[in-house]
Amino acid sequence: MASLSSSLVRGVSKASLDALLEQRGPGPFSASARYDALARYEELPVRGTRGGRGWKHDLTKLDLSTIVPFAPGSVADDLSNEANAAARGRGVRIERIGASVPGLLGAAVDTRDDKFASLALAFANGGTYVEIPAGLQLDEAIEINYRAENAAAFPYTLIVIGEGARATVVERISGDQFVCGITEIVCAARAQLQYVAEQRLAPTARCIMTRRALLGADSHLEAALAELGSELSVSRFRSVADEHGAHSSLTALFFCNGDQHVDLESEVVHADGNTKSETIVRSAGIGRGQGRYLGNIRIVAHAHGSDASLRDDALLLSEGAHIDSIPALEIAANDVKAYHGATVGAISEDELFYAQSRGIPRNDAERMIALGFFEPAVARFPGEALREGIRTTLAAKLDAPA
């Protein structure tokens, strides 16, 4: 496939967008919307570029001149599995995103405020639409698998869950190419959705994802993010509790090893009263791994009775590793509960002494403590097979060469 890629237009430009539209057509977005998004990408500044010491990636200088933004088969969006087939049999729409997607496209994501969300919209070259009918209760997880191969991937996922429905959706990203995508989630009243994002790109890949959710009255979203691969991972998640009684739960984890760099942002917006949110983040760094977590809770002026918490803990396992933790609160209402806390530190000598006093060698004790540190986050992912896969990957990061 290398000869095919070498013959295509490279970079993110009007010429490469022209080529994509000529070969694929506009899809669910009009050509004018795509060109407008490209113009915004070129004009908008990068948000949140300042990090800690030794950061290896400057998003203001990100070079995309060599990527191939489109090639046939560049996004392998595999939707064929038994669980998906069973869900379709019960009336769930699970299909490649196309021109027939209803008006909810864009309900949760406004690309006008973000440079890379605009880029993802401009070059969207694959994606999935999931619609779960009102009242339907699904036990088996719906699976979306994106594999970025041959060229860059710009996947767009839209998940719509109807009133009173319950479901789990697992979105996986793998491959060895640049990925820049959008996932938007729309939850109707009393809907219950578990959403998992598992990123396992190759160590040479780069990934920038925008994920946003809009929650109706008394709905409940449990989101879990595992940033496990890629050289550079930028992950931005926002949920808006838009109506009375909505509940948002976010669990996220990442482990930077080698020269890996992870930049994770989350924002929970309490836009109505008696809404609730909880955020739990666990991260670690080893080798020369670098990371940042920026977490914000925003409670608007009329959102009385809101209850919000954020807990972020980071573990440094080598002198060359560095993780920044930046929790924040924006509270404009009275009669609310809001809490945030953060820690960044190394394994304590007291913990090691306790383990060694019980006959556990120091290296084994360090490994046991490091993996145990992630367990409160891992345990919140649905399904034992998924949890075991995450544990195995975390263990492999500990064993990888520094």
Protein backbone atom coordinates (compact mmCIF):
# COMPACT_ATOMS: atom_id res chain seq x y z
CA MET A 1 0.00 0.00 0.00
CA ALA A 2 2.99 2.32 0.28
CA SER A 3 2.99 3.03 -3.47
CA LEU A 4 -0.69 4.02 -3.25
CA SER A 5 -0.10 6.40 -0.35
CA SER A 6 2.95 7.96 -2.00
CA SER A 7 0.83 8.98 -5.00
CA LEU A 8 -1.79 10.86 -2.97
CA VAL A 9 -1.85 14.48 -1.85
CA ARG A 10 -0.13 14.97 1.50
CA GLY A 11 -0.79 17.39 4.34
CA VAL A 12 -3.99 19.10 5.46
CA SER A 13 -4.78 21.70 2.85
CA LYS A 14 -7.47 22.71 0.37
CA ALA A 15 -5.81 20.49 -2.23
CA SER A 16 -6.00 17.41 -0.02
CA LEU A 17 -9.61 18.20 0.95
CA ASP A 18 -10.43 18.62 -2.75
CA ALA A 19 -8.99 15.14 -3.35
CA LEU A 20 -10.96 13.60 -0.49
CA LEU A 21 -14.26 15.11 -1.69
CA GLU A 22 -13.59 14.04 -5.26
CA GLN A 23 -13.04 10.41 -4.21
CA ARG A 24 -15.53 10.07 -1.35
CA GLY A 25 -18.04 12.89 -1.68
CA PRO A 26 -19.10 15.08 1.27
CA GLY A 27 -20.78 12.27 3.25
CA PRO A 28 -22.83 13.48 6.24
CA PHE A 29 -21.30 16.97 6.05
CA SER A 30 -21.70 19.39 3.18
CA ALA A 31 -18.66 20.43 1.19
CA SER A 32 -19.09 24.01 2.40
CA ALA A 33 -19.14 22.83 6.04
CA ARG A 34 -15.89 20.96 5.45
CA TYR A 35 -14.16 23.93 3.81
CA ASP A 36 -15.37 26.22 6.60
CA ALA A 37 -13.97 23.77 9.17
CA LEU A 38 -10.61 23.73 7.38
CA ALA A 39 -10.54 27.53 7.45
CA ARG A 40 -11.21 27.47 11.20
CA TYR A 41 -8.44 24.95 11.72
CA GLU A 42 -6.02 27.26 9.95
CA GLU A 43 -7.17 30.31 11.95
CA LEU A 44 -7.86 29.05 15.48
CA PRO A 45 -5.11 28.99 18.11
CA VAL A 46 -4.22 25.82 19.98
CA ARG A 47 -5.72 25.62 23.46
CA GLY A 48 -3.69 24.54 26.46
CA THR A 49 -0.24 24.27 24.94
CA ARG A 50 1.76 25.13 28.03
CA GLY A 51 2.87 22.17 30.09
CA GLY A 52 5.59 21.16 32.49
CA ARG A 53 9.30 20.93 32.06
CA GLY A 54 10.67 18.82 29.25
CA TRP A 55 7.50 18.57 27.18
CA LYS A 56 8.40 16.93 23.89
CA HIS A 57 5.46 18.06 21.77
CA ASP A 58 4.33 21.59 21.00
CA LEU A 59 0.90 21.47 19.37
CA THR A 60 1.43 24.93 17.90
CA LYS A 61 4.25 23.42 15.83
CA LEU A 62 2.63 20.08 15.01
CA ASP A 63 3.83 19.08 11.55
CA LEU A 64 1.14 17.39 9.48
CA SER A 65 2.73 18.08 6.11
CA THR A 66 3.69 14.44 5.51
CA ILE A 67 0.44 12.71 6.44
CA VAL A 68 -1.86 11.25 3.79
CA PRO A 69 -5.34 12.41 4.85
CA PHE A 70 -7.17 9.92 2.68
CA ALA A 71 -6.57 6.58 0.97
CA PRO A 72 -9.00 3.76 0.17
CA GLY A 73 -9.33 1.64 3.30
CA SER A 74 -7.56 4.19 5.50
CA VAL A 75 -10.18 3.79 8.24
CA ALA A 76 -11.13 0.19 8.88
CA ASP A 77 -14.34 0.68 10.86
CA ASP A 78 -15.21 -2.93 11.64
CA LEU A 79 -18.79 -3.20 12.93
CA SER A 80 -19.30 -6.92 12.33
CA ASN A 81 -19.52 -9.02 15.47
CA GLU A 82 -22.15 -11.14 17.20
CA ALA A 83 -23.10 -8.53 19.81
CA ASN A 84 -23.67 -5.88 17.13
CA ALA A 85 -25.70 -8.31 15.03
CA ALA A 86 -27.89 -9.15 18.03
CA ALA A 87 -28.38 -5.45 18.80
CA ARG A 88 -29.41 -4.77 15.21
CA GLY A 89 -31.94 -7.55 15.53
CA ARG A 90 -33.55 -5.62 18.36
CA GLY A 91 -33.82 -2.39 16.39
CA VAL A 92 -30.48 -0.70 17.09
CA ARG A 93 -28.97 1.21 14.18
CA ILE A 94 -25.24 0.49 13.90
CA GLU A 95 -23.90 1.64 10.59
CA ARG A 96 -21.16 3.56 8.86
CA ILE A 97 -21.94 7.21 9.15
CA GLY A 98 -23.48 8.62 6.00
CA ALA A 99 -25.76 11.24 4.54
CA SER A 100 -28.83 9.68 6.17
CA VAL A 101 -27.76 10.56 9.72
CA PRO A 102 -30.52 12.65 11.39
CA GLY A 103 -30.36 16.21 12.65
CA LEU A 104 -28.71 15.30 15.98
CA LEU A 105 -25.33 15.36 14.26
CA GLY A 106 -23.53 18.28 15.92
CA ALA A 107 -25.89 18.51 18.91
CA ALA A 108 -23.11 17.86 21.42
CA VAL A 109 -20.06 19.05 19.48
CA ASP A 110 -19.54 22.60 18.26
CA THR A 111 -16.27 22.49 16.32
CA ARG A 112 -16.09 26.28 16.15
CA ASP A 113 -14.33 26.48 19.52
CA ASP A 114 -11.52 23.97 18.91
CA LYS A 115 -8.78 23.82 16.30
CA PHE A 116 -8.45 20.05 16.10
CA ALA A 117 -12.18 19.36 16.27
CA SER A 118 -12.43 21.59 13.21
CA LEU A 119 -9.69 19.55 11.52
CA ALA A 120 -11.52 16.31 12.34
CA LEU A 121 -14.73 17.63 10.80
CA ALA A 122 -13.00 18.93 7.67
CA PHE A 123 -11.35 15.61 6.83
CA ALA A 124 -13.83 13.13 8.36
CA ASN A 125 -13.14 10.00 6.29
CA GLY A 126 -14.98 7.32 8.23
CA GLY A 127 -17.16 6.86 11.24
CA THR A 128 -20.09 5.18 12.91
CA TYR A 129 -23.67 6.06 13.79
CA VAL A 130 -25.28 4.23 16.71
CA GLU A 131 -28.94 4.83 17.60
CA ILE A 132 -30.48 2.92 20.52
CA PRO A 133 -34.30 3.06 20.54
CA ALA A 134 -36.22 4.40 23.52
CA GLY A 135 -36.82 1.88 26.29
CA LEU A 136 -34.47 -0.79 24.94
CA GLN A 137 -32.30 -2.59 27.52
CA LEU A 138 -29.10 -4.07 26.09
CA ASP A 139 -26.81 -6.36 28.10
CA GLU A 140 -24.12 -7.03 25.48
CA ALA A 141 -21.79 -4.18 24.55
CA ILE A 142 -21.93 -2.56 21.13
CA GLU A 143 -18.42 -2.50 19.66
CA ILE A 144 -16.86 0.07 17.34
CA ASN A 145 -13.36 -0.74 16.10
CA TYR A 146 -11.32 1.81 14.16
CA ARG A 147 -7.98 0.81 12.72
CA ALA A 148 -5.88 3.58 11.16
CA GLU A 149 -3.82 2.04 8.39
CA ASN A 150 -2.34 3.19 5.06
CA ALA A 151 -3.27 6.82 5.76
CA ALA A 152 -4.41 9.17 8.49
CA ALA A 153 -7.80 8.48 10.08
CA PHE A 154 -10.41 11.11 10.90
CA PRO A 155 -13.24 9.05 12.44
CA TYR A 156 -16.54 10.61 13.48
CA THR A 157 -18.76 8.70 15.91
CA LEU A 158 -22.30 9.70 16.86
CA ILE A 159 -24.08 7.77 19.63
CA VAL A 160 -27.74 8.57 20.32
CA ILE A 161 -29.54 6.71 23.11
CA GLY A 162 -33.29 7.08 23.42
CA GLU A 163 -35.47 7.85 26.41
CA GLY A 164 -35.24 5.25 29.16
CA ALA A 165 -32.85 3.01 27.19
CA ARG A 166 -29.77 1.30 28.64
CA ALA A 167 -26.66 0.24 26.71
CA THR A 168 -22.87 -0.05 26.65
CA VAL A 169 -20.72 1.14 23.74
CA VAL A 170 -17.00 0.31 23.46
CA GLU A 171 -14.96 2.33 20.96
CA ARG A 172 -11.45 1.06 20.16
CA ILE A 173 -8.73 2.81 18.16
CA SER A 174 -5.65 0.98 16.89
CA GLY A 175 -3.18 1.16 14.01
CA ASP A 176 -0.02 3.07 13.22
CA GLN A 177 -1.16 6.32 11.60
CA PHE A 178 -2.15 9.82 12.68
CA VAL A 179 -5.69 9.93 14.13
CA CYS A 180 -7.82 13.02 14.67
CA GLY A 181 -11.45 12.30 15.49
CA ILE A 182 -14.71 13.26 17.15
CA THR A 183 -17.12 11.28 19.28
CA GLU A 184 -20.39 12.84 20.32
CA ILE A 185 -22.95 11.34 22.64
CA VAL A 186 -26.57 12.42 23.03
CA CYS A 187 -28.53 10.94 25.94
CA ALA A 188 -32.29 11.41 26.12
CA ALA A 189 -34.21 11.61 29.39
CA ARG A 190 -33.60 8.70 31.80
CA ALA A 191 -31.18 7.00 29.40
CA GLN A 192 -28.27 5.03 30.89
CA LEU A 193 -25.13 4.70 28.81
CA GLN A 194 -21.75 3.17 29.57
CA TYR A 195 -19.22 4.48 27.06
CA VAL A 196 -15.65 3.17 26.85
CA ALA A 197 -12.83 4.57 24.71
CA GLU A 198 -9.72 2.41 24.44
CA GLN A 199 -6.81 3.85 22.45
CA ARG A 200 -4.06 1.35 21.54
CA LEU A 201 -2.19 2.99 18.67
CA ALA A 202 1.38 2.03 17.82
CA PRO A 203 4.20 3.89 19.65
CA THR A 204 4.96 5.91 16.51
CA ALA A 205 1.40 7.18 16.01
CA ARG A 206 -0.19 10.43 17.15
CA CYS A 207 -3.78 10.80 18.31
CA ILE A 208 -6.00 13.83 18.95
CA MET A 209 -9.59 13.07 20.02
CA THR A 210 -12.50 15.33 20.95
CA ARG A 211 -15.32 13.65 22.87
CA ARG A 212 -18.41 15.48 24.08
CA ALA A 213 -21.69 14.42 25.61
CA LEU A 214 -25.08 16.08 26.10
CA LEU A 215 -27.23 14.67 28.91
CA GLY A 216 -31.00 14.92 29.18
CA ALA A 217 -33.12 14.94 32.33
CA ASP A 218 -32.31 12.15 34.84
CA SER A 219 -29.98 10.46 32.35
CA HIS A 220 -26.77 8.76 33.46
CA LEU A 221 -23.52 8.57 31.51
CA GLU A 222 -20.64 6.44 32.75
CA ALA A 223 -17.61 7.21 30.57
CA ALA A 224 -14.26 5.42 30.84
CA LEU A 225 -11.16 6.41 28.86
CA ALA A 226 -7.96 4.35 28.57
CA GLU A 227 -5.15 6.13 26.73
CA LEU A 228 -2.73 3.23 26.35
CA GLY A 229 -0.82 3.83 23.10
CA SER A 230 0.68 6.34 20.64
CA GLU A 231 3.67 8.63 20.90
CA LEU A 232 1.44 11.67 21.42
CA SER A 233 -2.09 11.43 22.77
CA VAL A 234 -4.31 14.48 23.19
CA SER A 235 -7.69 13.55 24.63
CA ARG A 236 -10.41 16.09 25.42
CA PHE A 237 -13.68 15.09 27.06
CA ARG A 238 -16.61 17.32 27.97
CA SER A 239 -20.00 16.35 29.34
CA VAL A 240 -22.87 18.79 29.77
CA ALA A 241 -25.55 17.90 32.30
CA ASP A 242 -28.07 19.92 30.36
CA GLU A 243 -31.27 19.09 32.22
CA HIS A 244 -32.46 18.49 35.79
CA GLY A 245 -31.20 15.32 37.46
CA ALA A 246 -28.54 14.33 34.90
CA HIS A 247 -25.57 12.35 36.23
CA SER A 248 -22.14 12.19 34.62
CA SER A 249 -19.34 9.84 35.69
CA LEU A 250 -15.88 9.89 34.11
CA THR A 251 -13.01 7.49 34.75
CA ALA A 252 -9.72 7.97 32.89
CA LEU A 253 -6.27 6.43 33.03
CA PHE A 254 -2.96 6.71 31.22
CA PHE A 255 0.57 5.42 31.73
CA CYS A 256 3.35 7.31 29.92
CA ASN A 257 6.44 5.20 29.31
CA GLY A 258 9.47 5.65 27.08
CA ASP A 259 9.05 8.99 25.30
CA GLN A 260 5.26 8.91 25.38
CA HIS A 261 3.39 12.16 25.93
CA VAL A 262 -0.26 12.26 27.06
CA ASP A 263 -2.35 15.42 27.41
CA LEU A 264 -5.78 14.72 28.92
CA GLU A 265 -8.46 17.33 29.55
CA SER A 266 -11.91 16.89 31.04
CA GLU A 267 -14.69 19.34 31.73
CA VAL A 268 -18.02 18.67 33.39
CA VAL A 269 -20.63 21.38 32.96
CA HIS A 270 -23.58 21.51 35.36
CA ALA A 271 -26.06 23.47 33.26
CA ASP A 272 -29.16 22.73 35.36
CA GLY A 273 -30.04 22.09 38.98
CA ASN A 274 -29.79 18.86 40.94
CA THR A 275 -27.21 17.42 38.57
CA LYS A 276 -24.34 15.23 39.70
CA SER A 277 -20.85 14.39 38.46
CA GLU A 278 -17.80 12.47 39.58
CA THR A 279 -14.41 12.29 37.90
CA ILE A 280 -11.63 9.84 38.78
CA VAL A 281 -8.25 9.96 37.01
CA ARG A 282 -5.24 7.72 37.59
CA SER A 283 -1.96 8.28 35.71
CA ALA A 284 1.66 7.22 35.95
CA GLY A 285 4.94 8.00 34.26
CA ILE A 286 8.11 5.96 33.84
CA GLY A 287 11.24 6.41 31.75
CA ARG A 288 10.97 9.82 30.08
CA GLY A 289 7.18 9.75 29.94
CA GLN A 290 5.43 13.11 30.17
CA GLY A 291 1.79 13.84 30.90
CA ARG A 292 -0.71 16.43 31.92
CA TYR A 293 -4.22 16.26 33.28
CA LEU A 294 -6.38 19.38 33.26
CA GLY A 295 -9.76 18.84 34.89
CA ASN A 296 -12.49 21.42 35.32
CA ILE A 297 -15.90 21.43 36.98
CA ARG A 298 -18.19 24.27 35.91
CA ILE A 299 -21.47 24.98 37.71
CA VAL A 300 -23.54 27.71 36.06
CA ALA A 301 -25.48 30.39 37.93
CA HIS A 302 -28.88 28.65 38.08
CA ALA A 303 -27.62 25.08 38.69
CA HIS A 304 -28.51 24.99 42.39
CA GLY A 305 -28.29 21.62 44.12
CA SER A 306 -25.43 20.39 41.93
CA ASP A 307 -23.06 17.83 43.41
CA ALA A 308 -19.61 17.49 41.81
CA SER A 309 -16.34 15.78 42.69
CA LEU A 310 -12.99 15.32 40.96
CA ARG A 311 -10.09 13.19 42.13
CA ASP A 312 -6.78 12.97 40.24
CA ASP A 313 -3.78 10.92 41.38
CA ALA A 314 -0.48 10.57 39.52
CA LEU A 315 2.44 8.26 40.25
CA LEU A 316 6.03 8.95 39.14
CA LEU A 317 8.15 5.81 38.77
CA SER A 318 11.41 7.33 37.49
CA GLU A 319 13.34 10.57 37.80
CA GLY A 320 12.87 11.39 34.12
CA ALA A 321 9.08 11.14 34.21
CA HIS A 322 6.86 14.17 34.77
CA ILE A 323 3.10 14.66 35.12
CA ASP A 324 1.26 17.94 35.69
CA SER A 325 -2.06 17.89 37.52
CA ILE A 326 -4.32 20.93 37.20
CA PRO A 327 -7.78 20.60 38.79
CA ALA A 328 -10.14 23.58 38.70
CA LEU A 329 -13.58 24.70 39.86
CA GLU A 330 -15.84 27.37 38.37
CA ILE A 331 -18.87 27.85 40.61
CA ALA A 332 -21.50 30.48 39.94
CA ALA A 333 -24.38 29.02 42.00
CA ASN A 334 -25.21 28.78 45.68
CA ASP A 335 -26.31 25.64 47.50
CA VAL A 336 -23.94 23.26 45.71
CA LYS A 337 -21.42 20.61 46.70
CA ALA A 338 -18.11 20.70 44.83
CA TYR A 339 -14.79 19.05 45.61
CA HIS A 340 -11.51 18.46 43.85
CA GLY A 341 -8.27 16.91 44.96
CA ALA A 342 -4.99 15.93 43.30
CA THR A 343 -1.76 14.21 44.24
CA VAL A 344 1.50 13.69 42.34
CA GLY A 345 4.20 11.59 43.96
CA ALA A 346 6.40 8.52 43.99
CA ILE A 347 6.00 5.18 45.74
CA SER A 348 6.72 5.81 49.41
CA GLU A 349 9.47 4.01 51.28
CA ASP A 350 6.91 3.08 53.93
CA GLU A 351 4.88 1.13 51.35
CA LEU A 352 8.01 -0.63 50.11
CA PHE A 353 9.15 -1.43 53.65
CA TYR A 354 5.74 -2.91 54.47
CA ALA A 355 5.88 -5.19 51.43
CA GLN A 356 9.53 -6.18 51.92
CA SER A 357 8.92 -6.98 55.58
CA ARG A 358 6.57 -9.67 54.32
CA GLY A 359 9.18 -11.27 52.13
CA ILE A 360 8.39 -9.52 48.82
CA PRO A 361 11.54 -8.43 46.94
CA ARG A 362 11.80 -4.68 46.31
CA ASN A 363 11.35 -4.90 42.51
CA ASP A 364 8.29 -7.10 42.90
CA ALA A 365 6.93 -4.76 45.56
CA GLU A 366 7.32 -1.73 43.29
CA ARG A 367 5.54 -3.56 40.50
CA MET A 368 2.71 -4.71 42.75
CA ILE A 369 2.18 -1.22 44.19
CA ALA A 370 2.28 0.45 40.77
CA LEU A 371 -0.30 -1.90 39.27
CA GLY A 372 -2.44 -1.70 42.40
CA PHE A 373 -2.38 2.10 42.11
CA PHE A 374 -4.40 1.87 38.87
CA GLU A 375 -6.92 -0.64 40.21
CA PRO A 376 -9.56 1.86 41.48
CA ALA A 377 -9.80 3.19 37.91
CA VAL A 378 -9.50 -0.18 36.13
CA ALA A 379 -12.28 -1.64 38.28
CA ARG A 380 -14.71 0.96 36.90
CA PHE A 381 -14.37 -0.32 33.31
CA PRO A 382 -17.18 -2.71 32.33
CA GLY A 383 -16.42 -6.38 31.64
CA GLU A 384 -13.68 -8.59 33.04
CA ALA A 385 -12.11 -9.22 29.63
CA LEU A 386 -11.69 -5.48 29.09
CA ARG A 387 -10.28 -4.98 32.57
CA GLU A 388 -7.80 -7.83 32.14
CA GLY A 389 -6.67 -6.40 28.82
CA ILE A 390 -5.96 -3.05 30.44
CA ARG A 391 -4.10 -4.68 33.33
CA THR A 392 -1.93 -6.64 30.89
CA THR A 393 -1.05 -3.50 28.95
CA LEU A 394 -0.17 -1.59 32.13
CA ALA A 395 2.08 -4.46 33.24
CA ALA A 396 3.80 -4.50 29.84
CA LYS A 397 4.56 -0.78 30.16
CA LEU A 398 6.35 -1.50 33.42
CA ASP A 399 8.44 -4.17 31.72
CA ALA A 400 9.29 -2.18 28.58
CA PRO A 401 12.83 -0.80 28.16
CA ALA A 402 13.24 2.68 29.66
